[in-house]
Amino acid sequence: MERSTIHLTSRMQRIMKNAEIEARNSKSDVLQPAHLLVACLKERTGVLGEIGLKCHIDVNEIRALVTGRNKVGSSTNCSFFGI
């Protein structure tokens, strides 16, 4: 299988870095979509950033889903997305 290189924009690099920080802060071994969502909303640029500026989205509620404080959320372990 041939290895390919993925080039990320500086914005995407910041989002991935912030998502990893979110994952660590939530004591998660898995980078979950909620971590990416929070990182995108914190970026304040691009489409999700604009949504975050125009709509009230409680980032703490999203974090609660990841950390299990909210019974609606659940987590899944997957070696492909470990950090």
PDB file of N, CA and C in Angstrom:
ATOM      1  N   MET A   1       0.831  -1.170   0.000  1.00  0.00           N
ATOM      2  CA  MET A   1       0.000   0.000   0.000  1.00  0.00           C
ATOM      3  C   MET A   1       0.882   1.242   0.000  1.00  0.00           C
ATOM      4  N   GLU A   2       0.605   2.137  -0.895  1.00  0.00           N
ATOM      5  CA  GLU A   2       1.410   3.343  -1.032  1.00  0.00           C
ATOM      6  C   GLU A   2       1.003   4.381   0.006  1.00  0.00           C
ATOM      7  N   ARG A   3       1.981   5.007   0.600  1.00  0.00           N
ATOM      8  CA  ARG A   3       1.717   6.061   1.591  1.00  0.00           C
ATOM      9  C   ARG A   3       1.511   7.374   0.855  1.00  0.00           C
ATOM     10  N   SER A   4       0.542   8.120   1.288  1.00  0.00           N
ATOM     11  CA  SER A   4       0.311   9.429   0.697  1.00  0.00           C
ATOM     12  C   SER A   4       0.489  10.504   1.762  1.00  0.00           C
ATOM     13  N   THR A   5       0.809  11.688   1.321  1.00  0.00           N
ATOM     14  CA  THR A   5       1.007  12.801   2.222  1.00  0.00           C
ATOM     15  C   THR A   5      -0.232  13.680   2.206  1.00  0.00           C
ATOM     16  N   ILE A   6      -0.668  14.057   3.375  1.00  0.00           N
ATOM     17  CA  ILE A   6      -1.817  14.943   3.493  1.00  0.00           C
ATOM     18  C   ILE A   6      -1.306  16.322   3.874  1.00  0.00           C
ATOM     19  N   HIS A   7      -1.648  17.310   3.075  1.00  0.00           N
ATOM     20  CA  HIS A   7      -1.259  18.690   3.357  1.00  0.00           C
ATOM     21  C   HIS A   7      -2.447  19.414   3.970  1.00  0.00           C
ATOM     22  N   LEU A   8      -2.228  20.006   5.133  1.00  0.00           N
ATOM     23  CA  LEU A   8      -3.276  20.731   5.830  1.00  0.00           C
ATOM     24  C   LEU A   8      -2.986  22.225   5.784  1.00  0.00           C
ATOM     25  N   THR A   9      -4.048  23.008   5.661  1.00  0.00           N
ATOM     26  CA  THR A   9      -3.887  24.456   5.730  1.00  0.00           C
ATOM     27  C   THR A   9      -3.515  24.837   7.157  1.00  0.00           C
ATOM     28  N   SER A  10      -3.034  26.051   7.331  1.00  0.00           N
ATOM     29  CA  SER A  10      -2.669  26.496   8.676  1.00  0.00           C
ATOM     30  C   SER A  10      -3.907  26.515   9.580  1.00  0.00           C
ATOM     31  N   ARG A  11      -5.076  26.854   9.033  1.00  0.00           N
ATOM     32  CA  ARG A  11      -6.313  26.837   9.819  1.00  0.00           C
ATOM     33  C   ARG A  11      -6.622  25.418  10.277  1.00  0.00           C
ATOM     34  N   MET A  12      -6.501  24.460   9.379  1.00  0.00           N
ATOM     35  CA  MET A  12      -6.799  23.070   9.731  1.00  0.00           C
ATOM     36  C   MET A  12      -5.781  22.536  10.735  1.00  0.00           C
ATOM     37  N   GLN A  13      -4.536  22.957  10.624  1.00  0.00           N
ATOM     38  CA  GLN A  13      -3.537  22.549  11.604  1.00  0.00           C
ATOM     39  C   GLN A  13      -3.894  23.073  12.993  1.00  0.00           C
ATOM     40  N   ARG A  14      -4.355  24.339  13.067  1.00  0.00           N
ATOM     41  CA  ARG A  14      -4.778  24.892  14.355  1.00  0.00           C
ATOM     42  C   ARG A  14      -5.976  24.132  14.904  1.00  0.00           C
ATOM     43  N   ILE A  15      -6.932  23.816  14.031  1.00  0.00           N
ATOM     44  CA  ILE A  15      -8.129  23.083  14.468  1.00  0.00           C
ATOM     45  C   ILE A  15      -7.738  21.714  15.015  1.00  0.00           C
ATOM     46  N   MET A  16      -6.878  20.997  14.314  1.00  0.00           N
ATOM     47  CA  MET A  16      -6.461  19.672  14.781  1.00  0.00           C
ATOM     48  C   MET A  16      -5.721  19.770  16.114  1.00  0.00           C
ATOM     49  N   LYS A  17      -4.853  20.770  16.249  1.00  0.00           N
ATOM     50  CA  LYS A  17      -4.123  20.955  17.508  1.00  0.00           C
ATOM     51  C   LYS A  17      -5.101  21.248  18.649  1.00  0.00           C
ATOM     52  N   ASN A  18      -6.061  22.152  18.409  1.00  0.00           N
ATOM     53  CA  ASN A  18      -7.039  22.486  19.445  1.00  0.00           C
ATOM     54  C   ASN A  18      -7.958  21.304  19.757  1.00  0.00           C
ATOM     55  N   ALA A  19      -8.282  20.500  18.765  1.00  0.00           N
ATOM     56  CA  ALA A  19      -9.106  19.308  19.002  1.00  0.00           C
ATOM     57  C   ALA A  19      -8.358  18.313  19.883  1.00  0.00           C
ATOM     58  N   GLU A  20      -7.069  18.151  19.652  1.00  0.00           N
ATOM     59  CA  GLU A  20      -6.269  17.263  20.496  1.00  0.00           C
ATOM     60  C   GLU A  20      -6.204  17.789  21.929  1.00  0.00           C
ATOM     61  N   ILE A  21      -6.105  19.102  22.081  1.00  0.00           N
ATOM     62  CA  ILE A  21      -6.103  19.699  23.427  1.00  0.00           C
ATOM     63  C   ILE A  21      -7.449  19.453  24.106  1.00  0.00           C
ATOM     64  N   GLU A  22      -8.539  19.623  23.357  1.00  0.00           N
ATOM     65  CA  GLU A  22      -9.878  19.341  23.899  1.00  0.00           C
ATOM     66  C   GLU A  22      -9.979  17.883  24.358  1.00  0.00           C
ATOM     67  N   ALA A  23      -9.442  16.975  23.543  1.00  0.00           N
ATOM     68  CA  ALA A  23      -9.493  15.551  23.891  1.00  0.00           C
ATOM     69  C   ALA A  23      -8.715  15.281  25.175  1.00  0.00           C
ATOM     70  N   ARG A  24      -7.534  15.855  25.281  1.00  0.00           N
ATOM     71  CA  ARG A  24      -6.735  15.662  26.495  1.00  0.00           C
ATOM     72  C   ARG A  24      -7.442  16.249  27.717  1.00  0.00           C
ATOM     73  N   ASN A  25      -8.002  17.449  27.554  1.00  0.00           N
ATOM     74  CA  ASN A  25      -8.692  18.102  28.670  1.00  0.00           C
ATOM     75  C   ASN A  25      -9.911  17.311  29.124  1.00  0.00           C
ATOM     76  N   SER A  26     -10.538  16.575  28.201  1.00  0.00           N
ATOM     77  CA  SER A  26     -11.703  15.770  28.573  1.00  0.00           C
ATOM     78  C   SER A  26     -11.289  14.376  29.047  1.00  0.00           C
ATOM     79  N   LYS A  27      -9.984  14.169  29.167  1.00  0.00           N
ATOM     80  CA  LYS A  27      -9.431  12.886  29.624  1.00  0.00           C
ATOM     81  C   LYS A  27      -9.830  11.740  28.688  1.00  0.00           C
ATOM     82  N   SER A  28      -9.933  12.050  27.405  1.00  0.00           N
ATOM     83  CA  SER A  28     -10.331  11.062  26.412  1.00  0.00           C
ATOM     84  C   SER A  28      -9.100  10.541  25.676  1.00  0.00           C
ATOM     85  N   ASP A  29      -9.066   9.247  25.458  1.00  0.00           N
ATOM     86  CA  ASP A  29      -7.995   8.647  24.672  1.00  0.00           C
ATOM     87  C   ASP A  29      -8.307   8.679  23.187  1.00  0.00           C
ATOM     88  N   VAL A  30      -9.519   9.131  22.855  1.00  0.00           N
ATOM     89  CA  VAL A  30      -9.996   9.108  21.481  1.00  0.00           C
ATOM     90  C   VAL A  30     -10.397  10.518  21.064  1.00  0.00           C
ATOM     91  N   LEU A  31      -9.934  10.933  19.911  1.00  0.00           N
ATOM     92  CA  LEU A  31     -10.343  12.208  19.344  1.00  0.00           C
ATOM     93  C   LEU A  31     -11.730  12.020  18.743  1.00  0.00           C
ATOM     94  N   GLN A  32     -12.725  12.646  19.355  1.00  0.00           N
ATOM     95  CA  GLN A  32     -14.112  12.454  18.957  1.00  0.00           C
ATOM     96  C   GLN A  32     -14.597  13.628  18.110  1.00  0.00           C
ATOM     97  N   PRO A  33     -15.670  13.435  17.348  1.00  0.00           N
ATOM     98  CA  PRO A  33     -16.214  14.536  16.535  1.00  0.00           C
ATOM     99  C   PRO A  33     -16.529  15.782  17.356  1.00  0.00           C
ATOM    100  N   ALA A  34     -16.956  15.612  18.597  1.00  0.00           N
ATOM    101  CA  ALA A  34     -17.263  16.769  19.443  1.00  0.00           C
ATOM    102  C   ALA A  34     -16.005  17.606  19.701  1.00  0.00           C
ATOM    103  N   HIS A  35     -14.853  16.967  19.821  1.00  0.00           N
ATOM    104  CA  HIS A  35     -13.600  17.696  20.004  1.00  0.00           C
ATOM    105  C   HIS A  35     -13.312  18.548  18.768  1.00  0.00           C
ATOM    106  N   LEU A  36     -13.534  17.972  17.604  1.00  0.00           N
ATOM    107  CA  LEU A  36     -13.333  18.718  16.362  1.00  0.00           C
ATOM    108  C   LEU A  36     -14.321  19.872  16.250  1.00  0.00           C
ATOM    109  N   LEU A  37     -15.579  19.640  16.646  1.00  0.00           N
ATOM    110  CA  LEU A  37     -16.586  20.684  16.585  1.00  0.00           C
ATOM    111  C   LEU A  37     -16.206  21.852  17.486  1.00  0.00           C
ATOM    112  N   VAL A  38     -15.821  21.571  18.707  1.00  0.00           N
ATOM    113  CA  VAL A  38     -15.420  22.636  19.633  1.00  0.00           C
ATOM    114  C   VAL A  38     -14.221  23.392  19.066  1.00  0.00           C
ATOM    115  N   ALA A  39     -13.251  22.679  18.527  1.00  0.00           N
ATOM    116  CA  ALA A  39     -12.067  23.320  17.954  1.00  0.00           C
ATOM    117  C   ALA A  39     -12.445  24.213  16.769  1.00  0.00           C
ATOM    118  N   CYS A  40     -13.364  23.766  15.944  1.00  0.00           N
ATOM    119  CA  CYS A  40     -13.820  24.574  14.805  1.00  0.00           C
ATOM    120  C   CYS A  40     -14.527  25.836  15.285  1.00  0.00           C
ATOM    121  N   LEU A  41     -15.373  25.690  16.284  1.00  0.00           N
ATOM    122  CA  LEU A  41     -16.107  26.841  16.803  1.00  0.00           C
ATOM    123  C   LEU A  41     -15.168  27.844  17.477  1.00  0.00           C
ATOM    124  N   LYS A  42     -14.118  27.359  18.104  1.00  0.00           N
ATOM    125  CA  LYS A  42     -13.151  28.239  18.742  1.00  0.00           C
ATOM    126  C   LYS A  42     -12.299  28.984  17.717  1.00  0.00           C
ATOM    127  N   GLU A  43     -12.171  28.434  16.533  1.00  0.00           N
ATOM    128  CA  GLU A  43     -11.324  29.026  15.494  1.00  0.00           C
ATOM    129  C   GLU A  43     -11.866  30.391  15.046  1.00  0.00           C
ATOM    130  N   ARG A  44     -13.165  30.545  15.035  1.00  0.00           N
ATOM    131  CA  ARG A  44     -13.829  31.804  14.673  1.00  0.00           C
ATOM    132  C   ARG A  44     -13.584  32.233  13.225  1.00  0.00           C
ATOM    133  N   THR A  45     -13.125  31.319  12.401  1.00  0.00           N
ATOM    134  CA  THR A  45     -12.998  31.592  10.973  1.00  0.00           C
ATOM    135  C   THR A  45     -13.671  30.462  10.222  1.00  0.00           C
ATOM    136  N   GLY A  46     -13.981  30.677   8.982  1.00  0.00           N
ATOM    137  CA  GLY A  46     -14.640  29.644   8.196  1.00  0.00           C
ATOM    138  C   GLY A  46     -16.115  29.539   8.558  1.00  0.00           C
ATOM    139  N   VAL A  47     -16.774  28.574   7.971  1.00  0.00           N
ATOM    140  CA  VAL A  47     -18.219  28.423   8.122  1.00  0.00           C
ATOM    141  C   VAL A  47     -18.616  28.147   9.563  1.00  0.00           C
ATOM    142  N   LEU A  48     -17.988  27.171  10.214  1.00  0.00           N
ATOM    143  CA  LEU A  48     -18.359  26.864  11.597  1.00  0.00           C
ATOM    144  C   LEU A  48     -18.028  28.009  12.537  1.00  0.00           C
ATOM    145  N   GLY A  49     -16.971  28.714  12.262  1.00  0.00           N
ATOM    146  CA  GLY A  49     -16.638  29.880  13.061  1.00  0.00           C
ATOM    147  C   GLY A  49     -17.694  30.960  12.950  1.00  0.00           C
ATOM    148  N   GLU A  50     -18.198  31.173  11.733  1.00  0.00           N
ATOM    149  CA  GLU A  50     -19.273  32.156  11.532  1.00  0.00           C
ATOM    150  C   GLU A  50     -20.541  31.721  12.250  1.00  0.00           C
ATOM    151  N   ILE A  51     -20.846  30.444  12.192  1.00  0.00           N
ATOM    152  CA  ILE A  51     -22.021  29.934  12.908  1.00  0.00           C
ATOM    153  C   ILE A  51     -21.858  30.194  14.399  1.00  0.00           C
ATOM    154  N   GLY A  52     -20.671  29.956  14.920  1.00  0.00           N
ATOM    155  CA  GLY A  52     -20.410  30.196  16.329  1.00  0.00           C
ATOM    156  C   GLY A  52     -20.554  31.652  16.718  1.00  0.00           C
ATOM    157  N   LEU A  53     -20.248  32.562  15.795  1.00  0.00           N
ATOM    158  CA  LEU A  53     -20.393  33.984  16.078  1.00  0.00           C
ATOM    159  C   LEU A  53     -21.847  34.445  16.011  1.00  0.00           C
ATOM    160  N   LYS A  54     -22.632  33.834  15.137  1.00  0.00           N
ATOM    161  CA  LYS A  54     -24.004  34.272  14.908  1.00  0.00           C
ATOM    162  C   LYS A  54     -25.035  33.527  15.751  1.00  0.00           C
ATOM    163  N   CYS A  55     -24.703  32.342  16.215  1.00  0.00           N
ATOM    164  CA  CYS A  55     -25.635  31.528  16.999  1.00  0.00           C
ATOM    165  C   CYS A  55     -25.021  31.270  18.371  1.00  0.00           C
ATOM    166  N   HIS A  56     -25.878  31.204  19.360  1.00  0.00           N
ATOM    167  CA  HIS A  56     -25.378  30.868  20.691  1.00  0.00           C
ATOM    168  C   HIS A  56     -25.255  29.350  20.787  1.00  0.00           C
ATOM    169  N   ILE A  57     -24.035  28.885  20.813  1.00  0.00           N
ATOM    170  CA  ILE A  57     -23.765  27.463  20.975  1.00  0.00           C
ATOM    171  C   ILE A  57     -22.954  27.317  22.257  1.00  0.00           C
ATOM    172  N   ASP A  58     -23.502  26.596  23.202  1.00  0.00           N
ATOM    173  CA  ASP A  58     -22.838  26.412  24.485  1.00  0.00           C
ATOM    174  C   ASP A  58     -21.782  25.316  24.355  1.00  0.00           C
ATOM    175  N   VAL A  59     -20.547  25.737  24.266  1.00  0.00           N
ATOM    176  CA  VAL A  59     -19.426  24.804  24.116  1.00  0.00           C
ATOM    177  C   VAL A  59     -19.326  23.891  25.328  1.00  0.00           C
ATOM    178  N   ASN A  60     -19.708  24.387  26.495  1.00  0.00           N
ATOM    179  CA  ASN A  60     -19.653  23.551  27.696  1.00  0.00           C
ATOM    180  C   ASN A  60     -20.636  22.384  27.616  1.00  0.00           C
ATOM    181  N   GLU A  61     -21.777  22.574  26.945  1.00  0.00           N
ATOM    182  CA  GLU A  61     -22.723  21.472  26.740  1.00  0.00           C
ATOM    183  C   GLU A  61     -22.113  20.403  25.830  1.00  0.00           C
ATOM    184  N   ILE A  62     -21.403  20.845  24.813  1.00  0.00           N
ATOM    185  CA  ILE A  62     -20.731  19.890  23.916  1.00  0.00           C
ATOM    186  C   ILE A  62     -19.670  19.128  24.694  1.00  0.00           C
ATOM    187  N   ARG A  63     -18.910  19.852  25.494  1.00  0.00           N
ATOM    188  CA  ARG A  63     -17.884  19.195  26.320  1.00  0.00           C
ATOM    189  C   ARG A  63     -18.508  18.202  27.292  1.00  0.00           C
ATOM    190  N   ALA A  64     -19.667  18.534  27.839  1.00  0.00           N
ATOM    191  CA  ALA A  64     -20.345  17.642  28.779  1.00  0.00           C
ATOM    192  C   ALA A  64     -20.727  16.330  28.101  1.00  0.00           C
ATOM    193  N   LEU A  65     -21.095  16.389  26.840  1.00  0.00           N
ATOM    194  CA  LEU A  65     -21.416  15.158  26.114  1.00  0.00           C
ATOM    195  C   LEU A  65     -20.202  14.243  26.032  1.00  0.00           C
ATOM    196  N   VAL A  66     -19.045  14.838  25.815  1.00  0.00           N
ATOM    197  CA  VAL A  66     -17.822  14.050  25.661  1.00  0.00           C
ATOM    198  C   VAL A  66     -17.375  13.455  26.986  1.00  0.00           C
ATOM    199  N   THR A  67     -17.466  14.232  28.045  1.00  0.00           N
ATOM    200  CA  THR A  67     -16.954  13.761  29.331  1.00  0.00           C
ATOM    201  C   THR A  67     -17.928  12.862  30.062  1.00  0.00           C
ATOM    202  N   GLY A  68     -19.133  12.700  29.514  1.00  0.00           N
ATOM    203  CA  GLY A  68     -20.087  11.791  30.118  1.00  0.00           C
ATOM    204  C   GLY A  68     -20.942  12.396  31.192  1.00  0.00           C
ATOM    205  N   ARG A  69     -20.824  13.710  31.403  1.00  0.00           N
ATOM    206  CA  ARG A  69     -21.661  14.361  32.411  1.00  0.00           C
ATOM    207  C   ARG A  69     -23.103  14.457  31.936  1.00  0.00           C
ATOM    208  N   ASN A  70     -23.282  14.341  30.633  1.00  0.00           N
ATOM    209  CA  ASN A  70     -24.625  14.375  30.077  1.00  0.00           C
ATOM    210  C   ASN A  70     -24.958  12.960  29.631  1.00  0.00           C
ATOM    211  N   LYS A  71     -26.042  12.390  30.080  1.00  0.00           N
ATOM    212  CA  LYS A  71     -26.359  10.988  29.819  1.00  0.00           C
ATOM    213  C   LYS A  71     -26.691  10.702  28.367  1.00  0.00           C
ATOM    214  N   VAL A  72     -26.888  11.745  27.543  1.00  0.00           N
ATOM    215  CA  VAL A  72     -27.191  11.539  26.129  1.00  0.00           C
ATOM    216  C   VAL A  72     -25.957  11.034  25.394  1.00  0.00           C
ATOM    217  N   GLY A  73     -24.777  11.496  25.794  1.00  0.00           N
ATOM    218  CA  GLY A  73     -23.546  11.161  25.087  1.00  0.00           C
ATOM    219  C   GLY A  73     -22.998   9.801  25.463  1.00  0.00           C
ATOM    220  N   SER A  74     -22.233   9.245  24.559  1.00  0.00           N
ATOM    221  CA  SER A  74     -21.513   8.015  24.839  1.00  0.00           C
ATOM    222  C   SER A  74     -20.193   8.081  24.090  1.00  0.00           C
ATOM    223  N   SER A  75     -19.235   7.310  24.533  1.00  0.00           N
ATOM    224  CA  SER A  75     -17.947   7.324  23.847  1.00  0.00           C
ATOM    225  C   SER A  75     -17.630   5.949  23.300  1.00  0.00           C
ATOM    226  N   THR A  76     -16.794   5.957  22.299  1.00  0.00           N
ATOM    227  CA  THR A  76     -16.400   4.729  21.635  1.00  0.00           C
ATOM    228  C   THR A  76     -14.878   4.722  21.542  1.00  0.00           C
ATOM    229  N   ASN A  77     -14.271   3.611  21.842  1.00  0.00           N
ATOM    230  CA  ASN A  77     -12.840   3.476  21.696  1.00  0.00           C
ATOM    231  C   ASN A  77     -12.511   2.902  20.333  1.00  0.00           C
ATOM    232  N   CYS A  78     -11.573   3.548  19.652  1.00  0.00           N
ATOM    233  CA  CYS A  78     -11.174   3.091  18.327  1.00  0.00           C
ATOM    234  C   CYS A  78      -9.701   3.421  18.134  1.00  0.00           C
ATOM    235  N   SER A  79      -8.902   2.425  17.851  1.00  0.00           N
ATOM    236  CA  SER A  79      -7.460   2.643  17.744  1.00  0.00           C
ATOM    237  C   SER A  79      -7.083   3.562  16.599  1.00  0.00           C
ATOM    238  N   PHE A  80      -7.943   3.693  15.592  1.00  0.00           N
ATOM    239  CA  PHE A  80      -7.632   4.542  14.449  1.00  0.00           C
ATOM    240  C   PHE A  80      -7.598   6.025  14.810  1.00  0.00           C
ATOM    241  N   PHE A  81      -8.309   6.417  15.871  1.00  0.00           N
ATOM    242  CA  PHE A  81      -8.427   7.823  16.206  1.00  0.00           C
ATOM    243  C   PHE A  81      -7.824   8.160  17.551  1.00  0.00           C
ATOM    244  N   GLY A  82      -6.982   7.310  18.065  1.00  0.00           N
ATOM    245  CA  GLY A  82      -6.339   7.584  19.347  1.00  0.00           C
ATOM    246  C   GLY A  82      -5.362   8.728  19.241  1.00  0.00           C
ATOM    247  N   ILE A  83      -5.151   9.413  20.362  1.00  0.00           N
ATOM    248  CA  ILE A  83      -4.159  10.490  20.364  1.00  0.00           C
ATOM    249  C   ILE A  83      -3.072  10.162  21.359  1.00  0.00           C
TER     250      ILE A  83
END
